[in-house]
mmCIF file of all heavy atoms, coordinates in Angstrom:
data_MODEL
# 
_entry.id   MODEL 
# 
loop_
_atom_site.group_PDB 
_atom_site.id 
_atom_site.type_symbol 
_atom_site.label_atom_id 
_atom_site.label_alt_id 
_atom_site.label_comp_id 
_atom_site.label_asym_id 
_atom_site.label_entity_id 
_atom_site.label_seq_id 
_atom_site.pdbx_PDB_ins_code 
_atom_site.Cartn_x 
_atom_site.Cartn_y 
_atom_site.Cartn_z 
_atom_site.occupancy 
_atom_site.B_iso_or_equiv 
_atom_site.pdbx_formal_charge 
_atom_site.auth_seq_id 
_atom_site.auth_comp_id 
_atom_site.auth_asym_id 
_atom_site.auth_atom_id 
_atom_site.pdbx_PDB_model_num 
ATOM 1   N N   . LEU A 1 1  ? 28.017 105.338 103.411 1.00 0.00 ? 1  LEU A N   1 
ATOM 2   C CA  . LEU A 1 1  ? 27.360 104.855 102.199 1.00 0.00 ? 1  LEU A CA  1 
ATOM 3   C C   . LEU A 1 1  ? 26.752 106.015 101.409 1.00 0.00 ? 1  LEU A C   1 
ATOM 4   O O   . LEU A 1 1  ? 26.884 106.086 100.187 1.00 0.00 ? 1  LEU A O   1 
ATOM 5   C CB  . LEU A 1 1  ? 26.271 103.847 102.566 1.00 0.00 ? 1  LEU A CB  1 
ATOM 6   C CG  . LEU A 1 1  ? 26.675 102.386 102.681 1.00 0.00 ? 1  LEU A CG  1 
ATOM 7   C CD1 . LEU A 1 1  ? 25.529 101.562 103.254 1.00 0.00 ? 1  LEU A CD1 1 
ATOM 8   C CD2 . LEU A 1 1  ? 27.079 101.825 101.323 1.00 0.00 ? 1  LEU A CD2 1 
ATOM 9   N N   . GLU A 1 2  ? 26.087 106.894 102.108 1.00 0.00 ? 2  GLU A N   1 
ATOM 10  C CA  . GLU A 1 2  ? 25.454 108.035 101.447 1.00 0.00 ? 2  GLU A CA  1 
ATOM 11  C C   . GLU A 1 2  ? 26.494 108.881 100.719 1.00 0.00 ? 2  GLU A C   1 
ATOM 12  O O   . GLU A 1 2  ? 26.274 109.329 99.587  1.00 0.00 ? 2  GLU A O   1 
ATOM 13  C CB  . GLU A 1 2  ? 24.705 108.883 102.469 1.00 0.00 ? 2  GLU A CB  1 
ATOM 14  C CG  . GLU A 1 2  ? 23.951 110.051 101.858 1.00 0.00 ? 2  GLU A CG  1 
ATOM 15  C CD  . GLU A 1 2  ? 23.202 110.856 102.897 1.00 0.00 ? 2  GLU A CD  1 
ATOM 16  O OE1 . GLU A 1 2  ? 22.400 110.266 103.636 1.00 0.00 ? 2  GLU A OE1 1 
ATOM 17  O OE2 . GLU A 1 2  ? 23.423 112.086 102.965 1.00 0.00 ? 2  GLU A OE2 1 
ATOM 18  N N   . ASP A 1 3  ? 27.649 109.099 101.361 1.00 0.00 ? 3  ASP A N   1 
ATOM 19  C CA  . ASP A 1 3  ? 28.711 109.898 100.756 1.00 0.00 ? 3  ASP A CA  1 
ATOM 20  C C   . ASP A 1 3  ? 29.295 109.220 99.521  1.00 0.00 ? 3  ASP A C   1 
ATOM 21  O O   . ASP A 1 3  ? 29.737 109.898 98.579  1.00 0.00 ? 3  ASP A O   1 
ATOM 22  C CB  . ASP A 1 3  ? 29.833 110.151 101.766 1.00 0.00 ? 3  ASP A CB  1 
ATOM 23  C CG  . ASP A 1 3  ? 29.390 111.044 102.922 1.00 0.00 ? 3  ASP A CG  1 
ATOM 24  O OD1 . ASP A 1 3  ? 28.379 111.765 102.747 1.00 0.00 ? 3  ASP A OD1 1 
ATOM 25  O OD2 . ASP A 1 3  ? 30.036 111.008 103.980 1.00 0.00 ? 3  ASP A OD2 1 
ATOM 26  N N   . ALA A 1 4  ? 29.296 107.875 99.510  1.00 0.00 ? 4  ALA A N   1 
ATOM 27  C CA  . ALA A 1 4  ? 29.908 107.134 98.408  1.00 0.00 ? 4  ALA A CA  1 
ATOM 28  C C   . ALA A 1 4  ? 28.974 106.967 97.211  1.00 0.00 ? 4  ALA A C   1 
ATOM 29  O O   . ALA A 1 4  ? 29.431 106.795 96.076  1.00 0.00 ? 4  ALA A O   1 
ATOM 30  C CB  . ALA A 1 4  ? 30.361 105.759 98.896  1.00 0.00 ? 4  ALA A CB  1 
ATOM 31  N N   . LEU A 1 5  ? 27.676 107.010 97.457  1.00 0.00 ? 5  LEU A N   1 
ATOM 32  C CA  . LEU A 1 5  ? 26.712 106.847 96.369  1.00 0.00 ? 5  LEU A CA  1 
ATOM 33  C C   . LEU A 1 5  ? 26.591 108.129 95.559  1.00 0.00 ? 5  LEU A C   1 
ATOM 34  O O   . LEU A 1 5  ? 26.861 109.224 96.051  1.00 0.00 ? 5  LEU A O   1 
ATOM 35  C CB  . LEU A 1 5  ? 25.343 106.452 96.932  1.00 0.00 ? 5  LEU A CB  1 
ATOM 36  C CG  . LEU A 1 5  ? 25.248 105.050 97.538  1.00 0.00 ? 5  LEU A CG  1 
ATOM 37  C CD1 . LEU A 1 5  ? 23.963 104.901 98.334  1.00 0.00 ? 5  LEU A CD1 1 
ATOM 38  C CD2 . LEU A 1 5  ? 25.328 103.976 96.447  1.00 0.00 ? 5  LEU A CD2 1 
ATOM 39  N N   . GLU A 1 6  ? 26.155 107.974 94.318  1.00 0.00 ? 6  GLU A N   1 
ATOM 40  C CA  . GLU A 1 6  ? 26.038 109.120 93.429  1.00 0.00 ? 6  GLU A CA  1 
ATOM 41  C C   . GLU A 1 6  ? 24.692 109.130 92.713  1.00 0.00 ? 6  GLU A C   1 
ATOM 42  O O   . GLU A 1 6  ? 24.032 108.092 92.586  1.00 0.00 ? 6  GLU A O   1 
ATOM 43  C CB  . GLU A 1 6  ? 27.169 109.107 92.380  1.00 0.00 ? 6  GLU A CB  1 
ATOM 44  C CG  . GLU A 1 6  ? 28.568 109.199 92.961  1.00 0.00 ? 6  GLU A CG  1 
ATOM 45  C CD  . GLU A 1 6  ? 29.638 109.130 91.888  1.00 0.00 ? 6  GLU A CD  1 
ATOM 46  O OE1 . GLU A 1 6  ? 29.293 108.817 90.716  1.00 0.00 ? 6  GLU A OE1 1 
ATOM 47  O OE2 . GLU A 1 6  ? 30.803 109.400 92.202  1.00 0.00 ? 6  GLU A OE2 1 
ATOM 48  N N   . GLY A 1 7  ? 24.304 110.312 92.237  1.00 0.00 ? 7  GLY A N   1 
ATOM 49  C CA  . GLY A 1 7  ? 23.133 110.448 91.392  1.00 0.00 ? 7  GLY A CA  1 
ATOM 50  C C   . GLY A 1 7  ? 21.856 109.902 92.000  1.00 0.00 ? 7  GLY A C   1 
ATOM 51  O O   . GLY A 1 7  ? 21.557 110.109 93.177  1.00 0.00 ? 7  GLY A O   1 
ATOM 52  N N   . ARG A 1 8  ? 21.113 109.163 91.169  1.00 0.00 ? 8  ARG A N   1 
ATOM 53  C CA  . ARG A 1 8  ? 19.822 108.636 91.607  1.00 0.00 ? 8  ARG A CA  1 
ATOM 54  C C   . ARG A 1 8  ? 19.970 107.671 92.764  1.00 0.00 ? 8  ARG A C   1 
ATOM 55  O O   . ARG A 1 8  ? 19.111 107.631 93.657  1.00 0.00 ? 8  ARG A O   1 
ATOM 56  C CB  . ARG A 1 8  ? 19.114 107.951 90.430  1.00 0.00 ? 8  ARG A CB  1 
ATOM 57  C CG  . ARG A 1 8  ? 17.723 107.462 90.782  1.00 0.00 ? 8  ARG A CG  1 
ATOM 58  C CD  . ARG A 1 8  ? 16.986 106.916 89.588  1.00 0.00 ? 8  ARG A CD  1 
ATOM 59  N NE  . ARG A 1 8  ? 17.515 105.637 89.138  1.00 0.00 ? 8  ARG A NE  1 
ATOM 60  C CZ  . ARG A 1 8  ? 16.889 104.839 88.261  1.00 0.00 ? 8  ARG A CZ  1 
ATOM 61  N NH1 . ARG A 1 8  ? 15.732 105.211 87.747  1.00 0.00 ? 8  ARG A NH1 1 
ATOM 62  N NH2 . ARG A 1 8  ? 17.422 103.703 87.878  1.00 0.00 ? 8  ARG A NH2 1 
ATOM 63  N N   . ASP A 1 9  ? 21.051 106.879 92.783  1.00 0.00 ? 9  ASP A N   1 
ATOM 64  C CA  . ASP A 1 9  ? 21.241 105.916 93.871  1.00 0.00 ? 9  ASP A CA  1 
ATOM 65  C C   . ASP A 1 9  ? 21.342 106.619 95.219  1.00 0.00 ? 9  ASP A C   1 
ATOM 66  O O   . ASP A 1 9  ? 20.832 106.123 96.225  1.00 0.00 ? 9  ASP A O   1 
ATOM 67  C CB  . ASP A 1 9  ? 22.500 105.076 93.623  1.00 0.00 ? 9  ASP A CB  1 
ATOM 68  C CG  . ASP A 1 9  ? 22.321 104.092 92.482  1.00 0.00 ? 9  ASP A CG  1 
ATOM 69  O OD1 . ASP A 1 9  ? 21.169 103.722 92.201  1.00 0.00 ? 9  ASP A OD1 1 
ATOM 70  O OD2 . ASP A 1 9  ? 23.328 103.696 91.879  1.00 0.00 ? 9  ASP A OD2 1 
ATOM 71  N N   . LYS A 1 10 ? 21.993 107.780 95.243  1.00 0.00 ? 10 LYS A N   1 
ATOM 72  C CA  . LYS A 1 10 ? 22.093 108.527 96.495  1.00 0.00 ? 10 LYS A CA  1 
ATOM 73  C C   . LYS A 1 10 ? 20.724 109.026 96.942  1.00 0.00 ? 10 LYS A C   1 
ATOM 74  O O   . LYS A 1 10 ? 20.395 108.962 98.138  1.00 0.00 ? 10 LYS A O   1 
ATOM 75  C CB  . LYS A 1 10 ? 23.050 109.721 96.341  1.00 0.00 ? 10 LYS A CB  1 
ATOM 76  C CG  . LYS A 1 10 ? 23.117 110.606 97.577  1.00 0.00 ? 10 LYS A CG  1 
ATOM 77  C CD  . LYS A 1 10 ? 24.164 111.691 97.454  1.00 0.00 ? 10 LYS A CD  1 
ATOM 78  C CE  . LYS A 1 10 ? 25.548 111.114 97.690  1.00 0.00 ? 10 LYS A CE  1 
ATOM 79  N NZ  . LYS A 1 10 ? 26.557 112.177 97.936  1.00 0.00 ? 10 LYS A NZ  1 
ATOM 80  N N   . VAL A 1 11 ? 19.912 109.484 96.007  1.00 0.00 ? 11 VAL A N   1 
ATOM 81  C CA  . VAL A 1 11 ? 18.568 109.969 96.347  1.00 0.00 ? 11 VAL A CA  1 
ATOM 82  C C   . VAL A 1 11 ? 17.713 108.824 96.891  1.00 0.00 ? 11 VAL A C   1 
ATOM 83  O O   . VAL A 1 11 ? 17.004 108.981 97.888  1.00 0.00 ? 11 VAL A O   1 
ATOM 84  C CB  . VAL A 1 11 ? 17.893 110.611 95.116  1.00 0.00 ? 11 VAL A CB  1 
ATOM 85  C CG1 . VAL A 1 11 ? 16.473 111.061 95.472  1.00 0.00 ? 11 VAL A CG1 1 
ATOM 86  C CG2 . VAL A 1 11 ? 18.708 111.802 94.619  1.00 0.00 ? 11 VAL A CG2 1 
ATOM 87  N N   . ILE A 1 12 ? 17.781 107.659 96.232  1.00 0.00 ? 12 ILE A N   1 
ATOM 88  C CA  . ILE A 1 12 ? 17.031 106.490 96.705  1.00 0.00 ? 12 ILE A CA  1 
ATOM 89  C C   . ILE A 1 12 ? 17.443 106.137 98.125  1.00 0.00 ? 12 ILE A C   1 
ATOM 90  O O   . ILE A 1 12 ? 16.598 105.897 98.998  1.00 0.00 ? 12 ILE A O   1 
ATOM 91  C CB  . ILE A 1 12 ? 17.261 105.288 95.774  1.00 0.00 ? 12 ILE A CB  1 
ATOM 92  C CG1 . ILE A 1 12 ? 16.623 105.528 94.404  1.00 0.00 ? 12 ILE A CG1 1 
ATOM 93  C CG2 . ILE A 1 12 ? 16.694 104.005 96.392  1.00 0.00 ? 12 ILE A CG2 1 
ATOM 94  C CD1 . ILE A 1 12 ? 16.964 104.483 93.367  1.00 0.00 ? 12 ILE A CD1 1 
ATOM 95  N N   . PHE A 1 13 ? 18.737 106.101 98.364  1.00 0.00 ? 13 PHE A N   1 
ATOM 96  C CA  . PHE A 1 13 ? 19.252 105.729 99.685  1.00 0.00 ? 13 PHE A CA  1 
ATOM 97  C C   . PHE A 1 13 ? 18.786 106.725 100.750 1.00 0.00 ? 13 PHE A C   1 
ATOM 98  O O   . PHE A 1 13 ? 18.416 106.337 101.857 1.00 0.00 ? 13 PHE A O   1 
ATOM 99  C CB  . PHE A 1 13 ? 20.774 105.656 99.648  1.00 0.00 ? 13 PHE A CB  1 
ATOM 100 C CG  . PHE A 1 13 ? 21.385 105.132 100.916 1.00 0.00 ? 13 PHE A CG  1 
ATOM 101 C CD1 . PHE A 1 13 ? 21.388 103.774 101.189 1.00 0.00 ? 13 PHE A CD1 1 
ATOM 102 C CD2 . PHE A 1 13 ? 21.953 105.996 101.836 1.00 0.00 ? 13 PHE A CD2 1 
ATOM 103 C CE1 . PHE A 1 13 ? 21.946 103.284 102.362 1.00 0.00 ? 13 PHE A CE1 1 
ATOM 104 C CE2 . PHE A 1 13 ? 22.506 105.520 103.010 1.00 0.00 ? 13 PHE A CE2 1 
ATOM 105 C CZ  . PHE A 1 13 ? 22.507 104.155 103.278 1.00 0.00 ? 13 PHE A CZ  1 
ATOM 106 N N   . LYS A 1 14 ? 18.789 108.008 100.409 1.00 0.00 ? 14 LYS A N   1 
ATOM 107 C CA  . LYS A 1 14 ? 18.360 109.029 101.364 1.00 0.00 ? 14 LYS A CA  1 
ATOM 108 C C   . LYS A 1 14 ? 16.863 108.911 101.674 1.00 0.00 ? 14 LYS A C   1 
ATOM 109 O O   . LYS A 1 14 ? 16.443 109.118 102.814 1.00 0.00 ? 14 LYS A O   1 
ATOM 110 C CB  . LYS A 1 14 ? 18.705 110.421 100.829 1.00 0.00 ? 14 LYS A CB  1 
ATOM 111 C CG  . LYS A 1 14 ? 20.198 110.718 100.853 1.00 0.00 ? 14 LYS A CG  1 
ATOM 112 C CD  . LYS A 1 14 ? 20.556 111.983 100.105 1.00 0.00 ? 14 LYS A CD  1 
ATOM 113 C CE  . LYS A 1 14 ? 20.137 113.224 100.840 1.00 0.00 ? 14 LYS A CE  1 
ATOM 114 N NZ  . LYS A 1 14 ? 20.646 114.456 100.165 1.00 0.00 ? 14 LYS A NZ  1 
ATOM 115 N N   . VAL A 1 15 ? 16.055 108.575 100.671 1.00 0.00 ? 15 VAL A N   1 
ATOM 116 C CA  . VAL A 1 15 ? 14.620 108.380 100.913 1.00 0.00 ? 15 VAL A CA  1 
ATOM 117 C C   . VAL A 1 15 ? 14.414 107.228 101.895 1.00 0.00 ? 15 VAL A C   1 
ATOM 118 O O   . VAL A 1 15 ? 13.616 107.319 102.833 1.00 0.00 ? 15 VAL A O   1 
ATOM 119 C CB  . VAL A 1 15 ? 13.880 108.099 99.590  1.00 0.00 ? 15 VAL A CB  1 
ATOM 120 C CG1 . VAL A 1 15 ? 12.450 107.624 99.871  1.00 0.00 ? 15 VAL A CG1 1 
ATOM 121 C CG2 . VAL A 1 15 ? 13.837 109.348 98.721  1.00 0.00 ? 15 VAL A CG2 1 
ATOM 122 N N   . LEU A 1 16 ? 15.158 106.124 101.684 1.00 0.00 ? 16 LEU A N   1 
ATOM 123 C CA  . LEU A 1 16 ? 15.014 104.958 102.547 1.00 0.00 ? 16 LEU A CA  1 
ATOM 124 C C   . LEU A 1 16 ? 15.537 105.214 103.959 1.00 0.00 ? 16 LEU A C   1 
ATOM 125 O O   . LEU A 1 16 ? 14.904 104.849 104.945 1.00 0.00 ? 16 LEU A O   1 
ATOM 126 C CB  . LEU A 1 16 ? 15.752 103.762 101.939 1.00 0.00 ? 16 LEU A CB  1 
ATOM 127 C CG  . LEU A 1 16 ? 15.136 103.144 100.680 1.00 0.00 ? 16 LEU A CG  1 
ATOM 128 C CD1 . LEU A 1 16 ? 16.135 102.212 100.014 1.00 0.00 ? 16 LEU A CD1 1 
ATOM 129 C CD2 . LEU A 1 16 ? 13.854 102.409 101.015 1.00 0.00 ? 16 LEU A CD2 1 
ATOM 130 N N   . SER A 1 17 ? 16.698 105.832 104.061 1.00 0.00 ? 17 SER A N   1 
ATOM 131 C CA  . SER A 1 17 ? 17.346 105.961 105.373 1.00 0.00 ? 17 SER A CA  1 
ATOM 132 C C   . SER A 1 17 ? 16.828 107.137 106.192 1.00 0.00 ? 17 SER A C   1 
ATOM 133 O O   . SER A 1 17 ? 16.869 107.097 107.420 1.00 0.00 ? 17 SER A O   1 
ATOM 134 C CB  . SER A 1 17 ? 18.860 106.091 105.193 1.00 0.00 ? 17 SER A CB  1 
ATOM 135 O OG  . SER A 1 17 ? 19.188 107.274 104.478 1.00 0.00 ? 17 SER A OG  1 
ATOM 136 N N   . ARG A 1 18 ? 16.351 108.182 105.539 1.00 0.00 ? 18 ARG A N   1 
ATOM 137 C CA  . ARG A 1 18 ? 15.915 109.368 106.275 1.00 0.00 ? 18 ARG A CA  1 
ATOM 138 C C   . ARG A 1 18 ? 14.404 109.449 106.475 1.00 0.00 ? 18 ARG A C   1 
ATOM 139 O O   . ARG A 1 18 ? 13.940 110.052 107.435 1.00 0.00 ? 18 ARG A O   1 
ATOM 140 C CB  . ARG A 1 18 ? 16.397 110.631 105.547 1.00 0.00 ? 18 ARG A CB  1 
ATOM 141 C CG  . ARG A 1 18 ? 17.913 110.725 105.462 1.00 0.00 ? 18 ARG A CG  1 
ATOM 142 C CD  . ARG A 1 18 ? 18.361 112.059 104.960 1.00 0.00 ? 18 ARG A CD  1 
ATOM 143 N NE  . ARG A 1 18 ? 19.808 112.112 104.841 1.00 0.00 ? 18 ARG A NE  1 
ATOM 144 C CZ  . ARG A 1 18 ? 20.502 113.225 104.591 1.00 0.00 ? 18 ARG A CZ  1 
ATOM 145 N NH1 . ARG A 1 18 ? 19.856 114.360 104.455 1.00 0.00 ? 18 ARG A NH1 1 
ATOM 146 N NH2 . ARG A 1 18 ? 21.811 113.187 104.488 1.00 0.00 ? 18 ARG A NH2 1 
ATOM 147 N N   . CYS A 1 19 ? 13.654 108.869 105.552 1.00 0.00 ? 19 CYS A N   1 
ATOM 148 C CA  . CYS A 1 19 ? 12.198 108.971 105.646 1.00 0.00 ? 19 CYS A CA  1 
ATOM 149 C C   . CYS A 1 19 ? 11.533 107.688 106.110 1.00 0.00 ? 19 CYS A C   1 
ATOM 150 O O   . CYS A 1 19 ? 10.399 107.710 106.564 1.00 0.00 ? 19 CYS A O   1 
ATOM 151 C CB  . CYS A 1 19 ? 11.614 109.391 104.295 1.00 0.00 ? 19 CYS A CB  1 
ATOM 152 S SG  . CYS A 1 19 ? 12.236 110.981 103.712 1.00 0.00 ? 19 CYS A SG  1 
ATOM 153 N N   . GLY A 1 20 ? 12.194 106.554 105.944 1.00 0.00 ? 20 GLY A N   1 
ATOM 154 C CA  . GLY A 1 20 ? 11.710 105.303 106.496 1.00 0.00 ? 20 GLY A CA  1 
ATOM 155 C C   . GLY A 1 20 ? 10.490 104.670 105.872 1.00 0.00 ? 20 GLY A C   1 
ATOM 156 O O   . GLY A 1 20 ? 9.760  103.959 106.560 1.00 0.00 ? 20 GLY A O   1 
ATOM 157 N N   . PRO A 1 21 ? 10.215 104.866 104.564 1.00 0.00 ? 21 PRO A N   1 
ATOM 158 C CA  . PRO A 1 21 ? 9.100  104.119 103.985 1.00 0.00 ? 21 PRO A CA  1 
ATOM 159 C C   . PRO A 1 21 ? 9.475  102.654 103.831 1.00 0.00 ? 21 PRO A C   1 
ATOM 160 O O   . PRO A 1 21 ? 10.663 102.305 103.857 1.00 0.00 ? 21 PRO A O   1 
ATOM 161 C CB  . PRO A 1 21 ? 8.925  104.769 102.604 1.00 0.00 ? 21 PRO A CB  1 
ATOM 162 C CG  . PRO A 1 21 ? 10.307 105.221 102.249 1.00 0.00 ? 21 PRO A CG  1 
ATOM 163 C CD  . PRO A 1 21 ? 10.920 105.672 103.552 1.00 0.00 ? 21 PRO A CD  1 
ATOM 164 N N   . ARG A 1 22 ? 8.489  101.788 103.703 1.00 0.00 ? 22 ARG A N   1 
ATOM 165 C CA  . ARG A 1 22 ? 8.787  100.412 103.356 1.00 0.00 ? 22 ARG A CA  1 
ATOM 166 C C   . ARG A 1 22 ? 9.409  100.409 101.962 1.00 0.00 ? 22 ARG A C   1 
ATOM 167 O O   . ARG A 1 22 ? 9.128  101.282 101.142 1.00 0.00 ? 22 ARG A O   1 
ATOM 168 C CB  . ARG A 1 22 ? 7.527  99.555  103.370 1.00 0.00 ? 22 ARG A CB  1 
ATOM 169 C CG  . ARG A 1 22 ? 6.894  99.427  104.757 1.00 0.00 ? 22 ARG A CG  1 
ATOM 170 C CD  . ARG A 1 22 ? 5.647  98.543  104.693 1.00 0.00 ? 22 ARG A CD  1 
ATOM 171 N NE  . ARG A 1 22 ? 5.071  98.343  106.023 1.00 0.00 ? 22 ARG A NE  1 
ATOM 172 C CZ  . ARG A 1 22 ? 4.152  99.129  106.573 1.00 0.00 ? 22 ARG A CZ  1 
ATOM 173 N NH1 . ARG A 1 22 ? 3.699  100.176 105.888 1.00 0.00 ? 22 ARG A NH1 1 
ATOM 174 N NH2 . ARG A 1 22 ? 3.683  98.880  107.766 1.00 0.00 ? 22 ARG A NH2 1 
ATOM 175 N N   . ALA A 1 23 ? 10.233 99.407  101.696 1.00 0.00 ? 23 ALA A N   1 
ATOM 176 C CA  . ALA A 1 23 ? 10.938 99.353  100.416 1.00 0.00 ? 23 ALA A CA  1 
ATOM 177 C C   . ALA A 1 23 ? 9.967  99.388  99.242  1.00 0.00 ? 23 ALA A C   1 
ATOM 178 O O   . ALA A 1 23 ? 10.170 100.115 98.265  1.00 0.00 ? 23 ALA A O   1 
ATOM 179 C CB  . ALA A 1 23 ? 11.797 98.094  100.351 1.00 0.00 ? 23 ALA A CB  1 
ATOM 180 N N   . GLY A 1 24 ? 8.889  98.603  99.345  1.00 0.00 ? 24 GLY A N   1 
ATOM 181 C CA  . GLY A 1 24 ? 7.913  98.562  98.258  1.00 0.00 ? 24 GLY A CA  1 
ATOM 182 C C   . GLY A 1 24 ? 7.222  99.896  98.039  1.00 0.00 ? 24 GLY A C   1 
ATOM 183 O O   . GLY A 1 24 ? 6.823  100.228 96.919  1.00 0.00 ? 24 GLY A O   1 
ATOM 184 N N   . GLU A 1 25 ? 7.090  100.685 99.114  1.00 0.00 ? 25 GLU A N   1 
ATOM 185 C CA  . GLU A 1 25 ? 6.480  102.006 99.003  1.00 0.00 ? 25 GLU A CA  1 
ATOM 186 C C   . GLU A 1 25 ? 7.425  102.991 98.336  1.00 0.00 ? 25 GLU A C   1 
ATOM 187 O O   . GLU A 1 25 ? 7.015  103.781 97.484  1.00 0.00 ? 25 GLU A O   1 
ATOM 188 C CB  . GLU A 1 25 ? 6.086  102.514 100.390 1.00 0.00 ? 25 GLU A CB  1 
ATOM 189 C CG  . GLU A 1 25 ? 5.051  101.669 101.104 1.00 0.00 ? 25 GLU A CG  1 
ATOM 190 C CD  . GLU A 1 25 ? 4.900  102.013 102.581 1.00 0.00 ? 25 GLU A CD  1 
ATOM 191 O OE1 . GLU A 1 25 ? 5.741  102.778 103.103 1.00 0.00 ? 25 GLU A OE1 1 
ATOM 192 O OE2 . GLU A 1 25 ? 3.944  101.511 103.198 1.00 0.00 ? 25 GLU A OE2 1 
ATOM 193 N N   . ALA A 1 26 ? 8.702  102.940 98.720  1.00 0.00 ? 26 ALA A N   1 
ATOM 194 C CA  . ALA A 1 26 ? 9.683  103.892 98.219  1.00 0.00 ? 26 ALA A CA  1 
ATOM 195 C C   . ALA A 1 26 ? 9.857  103.805 96.709  1.00 0.00 ? 26 ALA A C   1 
ATOM 196 O O   . ALA A 1 26 ? 10.036 104.817 96.033  1.00 0.00 ? 26 ALA A O   1 
ATOM 197 C CB  . ALA A 1 26 ? 11.028 103.663 98.917  1.00 0.00 ? 26 ALA A CB  1 
# 
């Protein structure tokens, strides 16, 4: 998924999957 996403969506996904904040926090 990370490889397929681009731009801001990839950054959002990496914040969620690698750092683990709650969605509302991210």
